[in-house]
PDB file of N, CA and C in Angstrom:
ATOM      1  N   UNK A   1       0.834  -1.184   0.000  1.00  0.00           N
ATOM      2  CA  UNK A   1       0.000   0.000   0.000  1.00  0.00           C
ATOM      3  C   UNK A   1       0.881   1.251   0.000  1.00  0.00           C
ATOM      4  N   UNK A   2       0.520   2.223  -0.773  1.00  0.00           N
ATOM      5  CA  UNK A   2       1.303   3.449  -0.904  1.00  0.00           C
ATOM      6  C   UNK A   2       0.828   4.482   0.117  1.00  0.00           C
ATOM      7  N   UNK A   3       1.732   4.906   1.006  1.00  0.00           N
ATOM      8  CA  UNK A   3       1.379   5.877   2.035  1.00  0.00           C
ATOM      9  C   UNK A   3       1.644   7.317   1.603  1.00  0.00           C
ATOM     10  N   UNK A   4       2.149   7.519   0.401  1.00  0.00           N
ATOM     11  CA  UNK A   4       2.499   8.854  -0.077  1.00  0.00           C
ATOM     12  C   UNK A   4       1.302   9.814  -0.060  1.00  0.00           C
ATOM     13  N   UNK A   5       0.116   9.461  -0.606  1.00  0.00           N
ATOM     14  CA  UNK A   5      -1.006  10.408  -0.573  1.00  0.00           C
ATOM     15  C   UNK A   5      -1.431  10.786   0.847  1.00  0.00           C
ATOM     16  N   UNK A   6      -1.350   9.853   1.763  1.00  0.00           N
ATOM     17  CA  UNK A   6      -1.715  10.137   3.157  1.00  0.00           C
ATOM     18  C   UNK A   6      -0.742  11.138   3.759  1.00  0.00           C
ATOM     19  N   UNK A   7       0.543  10.954   3.537  1.00  0.00           N
ATOM     20  CA  UNK A   7       1.546  11.876   4.074  1.00  0.00           C
ATOM     21  C   UNK A   7       1.386  13.272   3.503  1.00  0.00           C
ATOM     22  N   UNK A   8       1.114  13.375   2.196  1.00  0.00           N
ATOM     23  CA  UNK A   8       0.914  14.683   1.578  1.00  0.00           C
ATOM     24  C   UNK A   8      -0.304  15.378   2.156  1.00  0.00           C
ATOM     25  N   UNK A   9      -1.368  14.626   2.390  1.00  0.00           N
ATOM     26  CA  UNK A   9      -2.583  15.198   2.963  1.00  0.00           C
ATOM     27  C   UNK A   9      -2.323  15.717   4.374  1.00  0.00           C
ATOM     28  N   UNK A  10      -1.634  14.959   5.182  1.00  0.00           N
ATOM     29  CA  UNK A  10      -1.314  15.372   6.552  1.00  0.00           C
ATOM     30  C   UNK A  10      -0.424  16.602   6.541  1.00  0.00           C
ATOM     31  N   UNK A  11       0.571  16.629   5.669  1.00  0.00           N
ATOM     32  CA  UNK A  11       1.473  17.777   5.594  1.00  0.00           C
ATOM     33  C   UNK A  11       0.730  19.028   5.151  1.00  0.00           C
ATOM     34  N   UNK A  12      -0.206  18.892   4.220  1.00  0.00           N
ATOM     35  CA  UNK A  12      -0.949  20.069   3.767  1.00  0.00           C
ATOM     36  C   UNK A  12      -1.913  20.559   4.836  1.00  0.00           C
ATOM     37  N   UNK A  13      -2.391  19.697   5.702  1.00  0.00           N
ATOM     38  CA  UNK A  13      -3.301  20.076   6.780  1.00  0.00           C
ATOM     39  C   UNK A  13      -2.571  20.757   7.937  1.00  0.00           C
ATOM     40  N   UNK A  14      -1.289  20.522   8.052  1.00  0.00           N
ATOM     41  CA  UNK A  14      -0.515  20.982   9.200  1.00  0.00           C
ATOM     42  C   UNK A  14      -0.536  22.502   9.352  1.00  0.00           C
ATOM     43  N   UNK A  15      -0.479  23.233   8.258  1.00  0.00           N
ATOM     44  CA  UNK A  15      -0.351  24.679   8.319  1.00  0.00           C
ATOM     45  C   UNK A  15      -1.600  25.409   7.845  1.00  0.00           C
ATOM     46  N   UNK A  16      -2.767  24.804   7.994  1.00  0.00           N
ATOM     47  CA  UNK A  16      -3.979  25.459   7.521  1.00  0.00           C
ATOM     48  C   UNK A  16      -4.401  26.599   8.433  1.00  0.00           C
ATOM     49  N   UNK A  17      -4.085  26.551   9.698  1.00  0.00           N
ATOM     50  CA  UNK A  17      -4.402  27.644  10.601  1.00  0.00           C
ATOM     51  C   UNK A  17      -3.248  28.612  10.671  1.00  0.00           C
ATOM     52  N   UNK A  18      -3.596  29.897  10.803  1.00  0.00           N
ATOM     53  CA  UNK A  18      -2.545  30.901  10.965  1.00  0.00           C
ATOM     54  C   UNK A  18      -1.917  30.749  12.340  1.00  0.00           C
ATOM     55  N   UNK A  19      -0.688  31.187  12.452  1.00  0.00           N
ATOM     56  CA  UNK A  19       0.022  31.119  13.722  1.00  0.00           C
ATOM     57  C   UNK A  19      -0.722  31.918  14.789  1.00  0.00           C
ATOM     58  N   UNK A  20      -1.291  33.060  14.426  1.00  0.00           N
ATOM     59  CA  UNK A  20      -2.031  33.856  15.405  1.00  0.00           C
ATOM     60  C   UNK A  20      -3.238  33.090  15.944  1.00  0.00           C
ATOM     61  N   UNK A  21      -3.887  32.298  15.101  1.00  0.00           N
ATOM     62  CA  UNK A  21      -5.008  31.474  15.574  1.00  0.00           C
ATOM     63  C   UNK A  21      -4.533  30.416  16.565  1.00  0.00           C
ATOM     64  N   UNK A  22      -3.384  29.831  16.276  1.00  0.00           N
ATOM     65  CA  UNK A  22      -2.834  28.822  17.192  1.00  0.00           C
ATOM     66  C   UNK A  22      -2.449  29.459  18.523  1.00  0.00           C
ATOM     67  N   UNK A  23      -1.933  30.690  18.468  1.00  0.00           N
ATOM     68  CA  UNK A  23      -1.580  31.400  19.701  1.00  0.00           C
ATOM     69  C   UNK A  23      -2.832  31.692  20.525  1.00  0.00           C
ATOM     70  N   UNK A  24      -3.915  32.066  19.869  1.00  0.00           N
ATOM     71  CA  UNK A  24      -5.177  32.308  20.573  1.00  0.00           C
ATOM     72  C   UNK A  24      -5.698  31.039  21.231  1.00  0.00           C
ATOM     73  N   UNK A  25      -5.604  29.932  20.526  1.00  0.00           N
ATOM     74  CA  UNK A  25      -6.043  28.657  21.090  1.00  0.00           C
ATOM     75  C   UNK A  25      -5.219  28.323  22.329  1.00  0.00           C
ATOM     76  N   UNK A  26      -3.907  28.500  22.241  1.00  0.00           N
ATOM     77  CA  UNK A  26      -3.037  28.234  23.397  1.00  0.00           C
ATOM     78  C   UNK A  26      -3.361  29.179  24.544  1.00  0.00           C
ATOM     79  N   UNK A  27      -3.635  30.457  24.231  1.00  0.00           N
ATOM     80  CA  UNK A  27      -4.003  31.430  25.261  1.00  0.00           C
ATOM     81  C   UNK A  27      -5.267  30.972  25.996  1.00  0.00           C
ATOM     82  N   UNK A  28      -6.298  30.601  25.245  1.00  0.00           N
ATOM     83  CA  UNK A  28      -7.556  30.181  25.870  1.00  0.00           C
ATOM     84  C   UNK A  28      -7.376  28.889  26.666  1.00  0.00           C
ATOM     85  N   UNK A  29      -6.519  28.009  26.210  1.00  0.00           N
ATOM     86  CA  UNK A  29      -6.249  26.790  26.969  1.00  0.00           C
ATOM     87  C   UNK A  29      -5.569  27.139  28.290  1.00  0.00           C
ATOM     88  N   UNK A  30      -4.620  28.066  28.257  1.00  0.00           N
ATOM     89  CA  UNK A  30      -3.953  28.491  29.493  1.00  0.00           C
ATOM     90  C   UNK A  30      -4.967  29.114  30.450  1.00  0.00           C
ATOM     91  N   UNK A  31      -5.884  29.925  29.927  1.00  0.00           N
ATOM     92  CA  UNK A  31      -6.935  30.509  30.768  1.00  0.00           C
ATOM     93  C   UNK A  31      -7.819  29.427  31.371  1.00  0.00           C
ATOM     94  N   UNK A  32      -8.222  28.463  30.544  1.00  0.00           N
ATOM     95  CA  UNK A  32      -9.072  27.366  31.020  1.00  0.00           C
ATOM     96  C   UNK A  32      -8.402  26.594  32.147  1.00  0.00           C
ATOM     97  N   UNK A  33      -7.072  26.488  32.082  1.00  0.00           N
ATOM     98  CA  UNK A  33      -6.335  25.740  33.093  1.00  0.00           C
ATOM     99  C   UNK A  33      -5.907  26.621  34.264  1.00  0.00           C
ATOM    100  N   UNK A  34      -6.249  27.909  34.201  1.00  0.00           N
ATOM    101  CA  UNK A  34      -5.914  28.815  35.294  1.00  0.00           C
ATOM    102  C   UNK A  34      -4.455  29.225  35.345  1.00  0.00           C
ATOM    103  N   UNK A  35      -3.728  29.051  34.277  1.00  0.00           N
ATOM    104  CA  UNK A  35      -2.309  29.405  34.240  1.00  0.00           C
ATOM    105  C   UNK A  35      -2.168  30.834  33.716  1.00  0.00           C
ATOM    106  N   UNK A  36      -2.325  31.798  34.613  1.00  0.00           N
ATOM    107  CA  UNK A  36      -2.377  33.213  34.269  1.00  0.00           C
ATOM    108  C   UNK A  36      -1.061  33.700  33.678  1.00  0.00           C
ATOM    109  N   UNK A  37       0.058  33.273  34.218  1.00  0.00           N
ATOM    110  CA  UNK A  37       1.354  33.750  33.726  1.00  0.00           C
ATOM    111  C   UNK A  37       1.596  33.314  32.284  1.00  0.00           C
ATOM    112  N   UNK A  38       1.280  32.068  31.972  1.00  0.00           N
ATOM    113  CA  UNK A  38       1.442  31.589  30.605  1.00  0.00           C
ATOM    114  C   UNK A  38       0.484  32.334  29.680  1.00  0.00           C
ATOM    115  N   UNK A  39      -0.760  32.529  30.138  1.00  0.00           N
ATOM    116  CA  UNK A  39      -1.736  33.272  29.338  1.00  0.00           C
ATOM    117  C   UNK A  39      -1.233  34.683  29.050  1.00  0.00           C
ATOM    118  N   UNK A  40      -0.671  35.324  30.041  1.00  0.00           N
ATOM    119  CA  UNK A  40      -0.147  36.685  29.867  1.00  0.00           C
ATOM    120  C   UNK A  40       1.014  36.705  28.868  1.00  0.00           C
ATOM    121  N   UNK A  41       1.903  35.741  28.965  1.00  0.00           N
ATOM    122  CA  UNK A  41       3.036  35.671  28.024  1.00  0.00           C
ATOM    123  C   UNK A  41       2.553  35.413  26.598  1.00  0.00           C
ATOM    124  N   UNK A  42       1.612  34.507  26.447  1.00  0.00           N
ATOM    125  CA  UNK A  42       1.067  34.234  25.115  1.00  0.00           C
ATOM    126  C   UNK A  42       0.373  35.462  24.545  1.00  0.00           C
ATOM    127  N   UNK A  43      -0.310  36.207  25.394  1.00  0.00           N
ATOM    128  CA  UNK A  43      -0.981  37.419  24.947  1.00  0.00           C
ATOM    129  C   UNK A  43       0.023  38.478  24.515  1.00  0.00           C
ATOM    130  N   UNK A  44       1.139  38.559  25.207  1.00  0.00           N
ATOM    131  CA  UNK A  44       2.196  39.488  24.801  1.00  0.00           C
ATOM    132  C   UNK A  44       2.735  39.132  23.413  1.00  0.00           C
ATOM    133  N   UNK A  45       2.948  37.852  23.169  1.00  0.00           N
ATOM    134  CA  UNK A  45       3.442  37.415  21.859  1.00  0.00           C
ATOM    135  C   UNK A  45       2.385  37.694  20.791  1.00  0.00           C
ATOM    136  N   UNK A  46       1.135  37.414  21.097  1.00  0.00           N
ATOM    137  CA  UNK A  46       0.069  37.673  20.145  1.00  0.00           C
ATOM    138  C   UNK A  46      -0.048  39.162  19.834  1.00  0.00           C
ATOM    139  N   UNK A  47       0.084  40.011  20.842  1.00  0.00           N
ATOM    140  CA  UNK A  47       0.045  41.458  20.621  1.00  0.00           C
ATOM    141  C   UNK A  47       1.192  41.892  19.717  1.00  0.00           C
ATOM    142  N   UNK A  48       2.364  41.320  19.914  1.00  0.00           N
ATOM    143  CA  UNK A  48       3.500  41.625  19.042  1.00  0.00           C
ATOM    144  C   UNK A  48       3.178  41.239  17.602  1.00  0.00           C
ATOM    145  N   UNK A  49       2.598  40.053  17.430  1.00  0.00           N
ATOM    146  CA  UNK A  49       2.268  39.579  16.092  1.00  0.00           C
ATOM    147  C   UNK A  49       1.249  40.478  15.412  1.00  0.00           C
ATOM    148  N   UNK A  50       0.285  40.973  16.158  1.00  0.00           N
ATOM    149  CA  UNK A  50      -0.770  41.815  15.597  1.00  0.00           C
ATOM    150  C   UNK A  50      -0.241  43.189  15.216  1.00  0.00           C
ATOM    151  N   UNK A  51       0.655  43.727  16.003  1.00  0.00           N
ATOM    152  CA  UNK A  51       1.114  45.092  15.786  1.00  0.00           C
ATOM    153  C   UNK A  51       2.305  45.232  14.843  1.00  0.00           C
ATOM    154  N   UNK A  52       2.936  44.141  14.477  1.00  0.00           N
ATOM    155  CA  UNK A  52       4.066  44.256  13.544  1.00  0.00           C
ATOM    156  C   UNK A  52       3.524  44.439  12.129  1.00  0.00           C
ATOM    157  N   UNK A  53       4.228  45.199  11.318  1.00  0.00           N
ATOM    158  CA  UNK A  53       3.743  45.430   9.955  1.00  0.00           C
ATOM    159  C   UNK A  53       3.989  44.214   9.055  1.00  0.00           C
ATOM    160  N   UNK A  54       2.930  43.735   8.440  1.00  0.00           N
ATOM    161  CA  UNK A  54       3.028  42.626   7.499  1.00  0.00           C
ATOM    162  C   UNK A  54       2.218  42.965   6.253  1.00  0.00           C
ATOM    163  N   UNK A  55       2.736  42.656   5.123  1.00  0.00           N
ATOM    164  CA  UNK A  55       2.025  42.900   3.875  1.00  0.00           C
ATOM    165  C   UNK A  55       0.989  41.810   3.641  1.00  0.00           C
ATOM    166  N   UNK A  56      -0.137  42.197   3.076  1.00  0.00           N
ATOM    167  CA  UNK A  56      -1.145  41.222   2.678  1.00  0.00           C
ATOM    168  C   UNK A  56      -2.138  40.828   3.747  1.00  0.00           C
ATOM    169  N   UNK A  57      -2.159  41.476   4.893  1.00  0.00           N
ATOM    170  CA  UNK A  57      -3.101  41.108   5.956  1.00  0.00           C
ATOM    171  C   UNK A  57      -4.206  42.139   6.146  1.00  0.00           C
ATOM    172  N   UNK A  58      -4.396  43.029   5.198  1.00  0.00           N
ATOM    173  CA  UNK A  58      -5.368  44.098   5.379  1.00  0.00           C
ATOM    174  C   UNK A  58      -6.774  43.571   5.658  1.00  0.00           C
ATOM    175  N   UNK A  59      -7.191  42.542   4.962  1.00  0.00           N
ATOM    176  CA  UNK A  59      -8.533  42.004   5.129  1.00  0.00           C
ATOM    177  C   UNK A  59      -8.737  41.283   6.445  1.00  0.00           C
ATOM    178  N   UNK A  60      -7.718  40.651   6.948  1.00  0.00           N
ATOM    179  CA  UNK A  60      -7.828  39.865   8.181  1.00  0.00           C
ATOM    180  C   UNK A  60      -7.468  40.674   9.420  1.00  0.00           C
ATOM    181  N   UNK A  61      -6.890  41.828   9.227  1.00  0.00           N
ATOM    182  CA  UNK A  61      -6.349  42.604  10.335  1.00  0.00           C
ATOM    183  C   UNK A  61      -7.412  42.936  11.389  1.00  0.00           C
ATOM    184  N   UNK A  62      -8.604  43.310  10.957  1.00  0.00           N
ATOM    185  CA  UNK A  62      -9.646  43.693  11.906  1.00  0.00           C
ATOM    186  C   UNK A  62     -10.063  42.514  12.778  1.00  0.00           C
ATOM    187  N   UNK A  63     -10.235  41.348  12.174  1.00  0.00           N
ATOM    188  CA  UNK A  63     -10.644  40.165  12.943  1.00  0.00           C
ATOM    189  C   UNK A  63      -9.571  39.770  13.949  1.00  0.00           C
ATOM    190  N   UNK A  64      -8.315  39.866  13.538  1.00  0.00           N
ATOM    191  CA  UNK A  64      -7.223  39.531  14.450  1.00  0.00           C
ATOM    192  C   UNK A  64      -7.204  40.505  15.630  1.00  0.00           C
ATOM    193  N   UNK A  65      -7.393  41.794  15.352  1.00  0.00           N
ATOM    194  CA  UNK A  65      -7.392  42.791  16.428  1.00  0.00           C
ATOM    195  C   UNK A  65      -8.589  42.609  17.356  1.00  0.00           C
ATOM    196  N   UNK A  66      -9.740  42.265  16.797  1.00  0.00           N
ATOM    197  CA  UNK A  66     -10.912  41.996  17.639  1.00  0.00           C
ATOM    198  C   UNK A  66     -10.660  40.804  18.553  1.00  0.00           C
ATOM    199  N   UNK A  67     -10.014  39.786  18.036  1.00  0.00           N
ATOM    200  CA  UNK A  67      -9.676  38.610  18.843  1.00  0.00           C
ATOM    201  C   UNK A  67      -8.702  38.982  19.956  1.00  0.00           C
ATOM    202  N   UNK A  68      -7.765  39.883  19.652  1.00  0.00           N
ATOM    203  CA  UNK A  68      -6.800  40.318  20.654  1.00  0.00           C
ATOM    204  C   UNK A  68      -7.499  41.082  21.774  1.00  0.00           C
ATOM    205  N   UNK A  69      -8.424  41.961  21.433  1.00  0.00           N
ATOM    206  CA  UNK A  69      -9.175  42.711  22.447  1.00  0.00           C
ATOM    207  C   UNK A  69      -9.981  41.756  23.315  1.00  0.00           C
ATOM    208  N   UNK A  70     -10.631  40.787  22.702  1.00  0.00           N
ATOM    209  CA  UNK A  70     -11.403  39.801  23.466  1.00  0.00           C
ATOM    210  C   UNK A  70     -10.500  38.997  24.397  1.00  0.00           C
ATOM    211  N   UNK A  71      -9.291  38.689  23.953  1.00  0.00           N
ATOM    212  CA  UNK A  71      -8.351  37.950  24.789  1.00  0.00           C
ATOM    213  C   UNK A  71      -7.922  38.790  25.988  1.00  0.00           C
ATOM    214  N   UNK A  72      -7.654  40.092  25.765  1.00  0.00           N
ATOM    215  CA  UNK A  72      -7.319  40.969  26.887  1.00  0.00           C
ATOM    216  C   UNK A  72      -8.469  41.038  27.882  1.00  0.00           C
ATOM    217  N   UNK A  73      -9.686  41.086  27.388  1.00  0.00           N
ATOM    218  CA  UNK A  73     -10.854  41.107  28.277  1.00  0.00           C
ATOM    219  C   UNK A  73     -10.942  39.825  29.100  1.00  0.00           C
ATOM    220  N   UNK A  74     -10.692  38.695  28.456  1.00  0.00           N
ATOM    221  CA  UNK A  74     -10.747  37.428  29.187  1.00  0.00           C
ATOM    222  C   UNK A  74      -9.680  37.372  30.268  1.00  0.00           C
ATOM    223  N   UNK A  75      -8.467  37.827  29.950  1.00  0.00           N
ATOM    224  CA  UNK A  75      -7.404  37.825  30.947  1.00  0.00           C
ATOM    225  C   UNK A  75      -7.766  38.748  32.106  1.00  0.00           C
ATOM    226  N   UNK A  76      -8.336  39.905  31.809  1.00  0.00           N
ATOM    227  CA  UNK A  76      -8.732  40.839  32.870  1.00  0.00           C
ATOM    228  C   UNK A  76      -9.779  40.189  33.773  1.00  0.00           C
ATOM    229  N   UNK A  77     -10.756  39.514  33.179  1.00  0.00           N
ATOM    230  CA  UNK A  77     -11.781  38.831  33.972  1.00  0.00           C
ATOM    231  C   UNK A  77     -11.186  37.705  34.812  1.00  0.00           C
ATOM    232  N   UNK A  78     -10.183  37.034  34.284  1.00  0.00           N
ATOM    233  CA  UNK A  78      -9.517  35.971  35.031  1.00  0.00           C
ATOM    234  C   UNK A  78      -8.768  36.548  36.231  1.00  0.00           C
ATOM    235  N   UNK A  79      -8.177  37.739  36.048  1.00  0.00           N
ATOM    236  CA  UNK A  79      -7.428  38.380  37.123  1.00  0.00           C
ATOM    237  C   UNK A  79      -8.324  39.104  38.122  1.00  0.00           C
ATOM    238  N   UNK A  80      -9.557  39.409  37.733  1.00  0.00           N
ATOM    239  CA  UNK A  80     -10.487  40.141  38.599  1.00  0.00           C
ATOM    240  C   UNK A  80     -11.823  39.397  38.703  1.00  0.00           C
ATOM    241  N   UNK A  81     -11.828  38.239  39.344  1.00  0.00           N
ATOM    242  CA  UNK A  81     -13.069  37.448  39.424  1.00  0.00           C
ATOM    243  C   UNK A  81     -14.170  38.153  40.210  1.00  0.00           C
ATOM    244  N   UNK A  82     -13.793  39.080  41.084  1.00  0.00           N
ATOM    245  CA  UNK A  82     -14.792  39.790  41.875  1.00  0.00           C
ATOM    246  C   UNK A  82     -15.654  40.700  41.007  1.00  0.00           C
ATOM    247  N   UNK A  83     -15.181  41.075  39.849  1.00  0.00           N
ATOM    248  CA  UNK A  83     -15.929  41.966  38.953  1.00  0.00           C
ATOM    249  C   UNK A  83     -17.135  41.258  38.342  1.00  0.00           C
ATOM    250  N   UNK A  84     -17.113  39.943  38.290  1.00  0.00           N
ATOM    251  CA  UNK A  84     -18.236  39.182  37.736  1.00  0.00           C
ATOM    252  C   UNK A  84     -19.447  39.211  38.655  1.00  0.00           C
ATOM    253  N   UNK A  85     -19.235  39.417  39.926  1.00  0.00           N
ATOM    254  CA  UNK A  85     -20.313  39.376  40.906  1.00  0.00           C
ATOM    255  C   UNK A  85     -21.214  40.595  40.810  1.00  0.00           C
ATOM    256  N   UNK A  86     -20.753  41.656  40.190  1.00  0.00           N
ATOM    257  CA  UNK A  86     -21.543  42.897  40.083  1.00  0.00           C
ATOM    258  C   UNK A  86     -22.634  42.797  39.056  1.00  0.00           C
TER     259      UNK A  86
END
């Protein structure tokens, strides 16, 4: 049996998500696990990625920035659980 088509399919699937999406997933996983320091570090890296100039991201830029704002809000809520009680 030839495994070549399977390997090509797996390799093409590997990079279908943008790195910023993977960083967001890791950030939310850190939040889910209560690891605030890791979440904060991942958010710093994500903020760097969003704010650096890159060509060809004009259409996606707004969605990425909205995701970054939502991530900052989630981290703030994680750090201030008493604010949810209001």
